[in-house]
Amino acid sequence: MKQLNLFEWAETRPSNVINAVPALIRKAALETVYQIPRPNGEGKVIQIGKAAA
């Protein structure tokens, strides 16, 4: 199995995907640690905006 080169992966992705990845990883980690149940059924697609720094 080849290790993923993060820089090669990032070259092929639009910037909005790369900006969302840390938030998705953090969300998955919190759901695992606190055992938050995942919703059943269809989810809603929402617009993700930039947060103020």
C-alpha atoms as a PDB file:
ATOM      1  CA  MET A   1       0.000   0.000   0.000  1.00  0.00           C
ATOM      2  CA  LYS A   2       1.404   3.374  -1.016  1.00  0.00           C
ATOM      3  CA  GLN A   3       1.292   6.265   1.446  1.00  0.00           C
ATOM      4  CA  LEU A   4      -0.777   9.186   0.193  1.00  0.00           C
ATOM      5  CA  ASN A   5       1.263  12.252  -0.665  1.00  0.00           C
ATOM      6  CA  LEU A   6      -0.831  15.104   0.705  1.00  0.00           C
ATOM      7  CA  PHE A   7       0.673  17.676  -1.663  1.00  0.00           C
ATOM      8  CA  GLU A   8      -0.098  15.575  -4.759  1.00  0.00           C
ATOM      9  CA  TRP A   9      -3.633  15.009  -3.472  1.00  0.00           C
ATOM     10  CA  ALA A  10      -4.124  18.740  -2.823  1.00  0.00           C
ATOM     11  CA  GLU A  11      -3.004  19.658  -6.356  1.00  0.00           C
ATOM     12  CA  THR A  12      -5.989  17.767  -7.790  1.00  0.00           C
ATOM     13  CA  ARG A  13      -8.623  19.249  -5.465  1.00  0.00           C
ATOM     14  CA  PRO A  14     -10.381  22.615  -5.532  1.00  0.00           C
ATOM     15  CA  SER A  15      -9.514  24.910  -2.621  1.00  0.00           C
ATOM     16  CA  ASN A  16     -12.952  24.652  -1.000  1.00  0.00           C
ATOM     17  CA  VAL A  17     -12.488  20.882  -0.538  1.00  0.00           C
ATOM     18  CA  ILE A  18      -9.103  21.364   1.087  1.00  0.00           C
ATOM     19  CA  ASN A  19     -10.542  24.023   3.426  1.00  0.00           C
ATOM     20  CA  ALA A  20     -13.310  21.647   4.545  1.00  0.00           C
ATOM     21  CA  VAL A  21     -11.082  18.639   5.281  1.00  0.00           C
ATOM     22  CA  PRO A  22      -9.820  19.742   8.746  1.00  0.00           C
ATOM     23  CA  ALA A  23     -13.381  20.481   9.874  1.00  0.00           C
ATOM     24  CA  LEU A  24     -14.592  17.082   8.625  1.00  0.00           C
ATOM     25  CA  ILE A  25     -11.754  15.279  10.421  1.00  0.00           C
ATOM     26  CA  ARG A  26     -12.495  17.187  13.634  1.00  0.00           C
ATOM     27  CA  LYS A  27     -16.223  16.349  13.331  1.00  0.00           C
ATOM     28  CA  ALA A  28     -15.503  12.647  12.790  1.00  0.00           C
ATOM     29  CA  ALA A  29     -13.144  12.594  15.776  1.00  0.00           C
ATOM     30  CA  LEU A  30     -15.720  14.253  18.057  1.00  0.00           C
ATOM     31  CA  GLU A  31     -18.443  11.847  16.922  1.00  0.00           C
ATOM     32  CA  THR A  32     -16.148   8.920  17.702  1.00  0.00           C
ATOM     33  CA  VAL A  33     -14.983  10.194  21.098  1.00  0.00           C
ATOM     34  CA  TYR A  34     -18.422  11.248  22.361  1.00  0.00           C
ATOM     35  CA  GLN A  35     -20.292   8.463  20.516  1.00  0.00           C
ATOM     36  CA  ILE A  36     -22.685  10.901  18.843  1.00  0.00           C
ATOM     37  CA  PRO A  37     -25.250   8.902  16.850  1.00  0.00           C
ATOM     38  CA  ARG A  38     -25.281   9.440  13.108  1.00  0.00           C
ATOM     39  CA  PRO A  39     -28.620  10.606  11.658  1.00  0.00           C
ATOM     40  CA  ASN A  40     -30.723   8.078   9.773  1.00  0.00           C
ATOM     41  CA  GLY A  41     -32.330   8.775   6.416  1.00  0.00           C
ATOM     42  CA  GLU A  42     -31.474  11.454   3.915  1.00  0.00           C
ATOM     43  CA  GLY A  43     -29.457  14.460   4.972  1.00  0.00           C
ATOM     44  CA  LYS A  44     -29.726  18.036   3.797  1.00  0.00           C
ATOM     45  CA  VAL A  45     -27.000  19.617   1.690  1.00  0.00           C
ATOM     46  CA  ILE A  46     -26.075  23.027   3.056  1.00  0.00           C
ATOM     47  CA  GLN A  47     -23.840  25.820   1.810  1.00  0.00           C
ATOM     48  CA  ILE A  48     -20.534  26.014   3.691  1.00  0.00           C
ATOM     49  CA  GLY A  49     -19.225  29.533   4.091  1.00  0.00           C
ATOM     50  CA  LYS A  50     -15.889  30.868   5.247  1.00  0.00           C
ATOM     51  CA  ALA A  51     -15.583  31.660   8.935  1.00  0.00           C
ATOM     52  CA  ALA A  52     -14.132  34.987   9.984  1.00  0.00           C
ATOM     53  CA  ALA A  53     -10.589  34.737  11.266  1.00  0.00           C
END
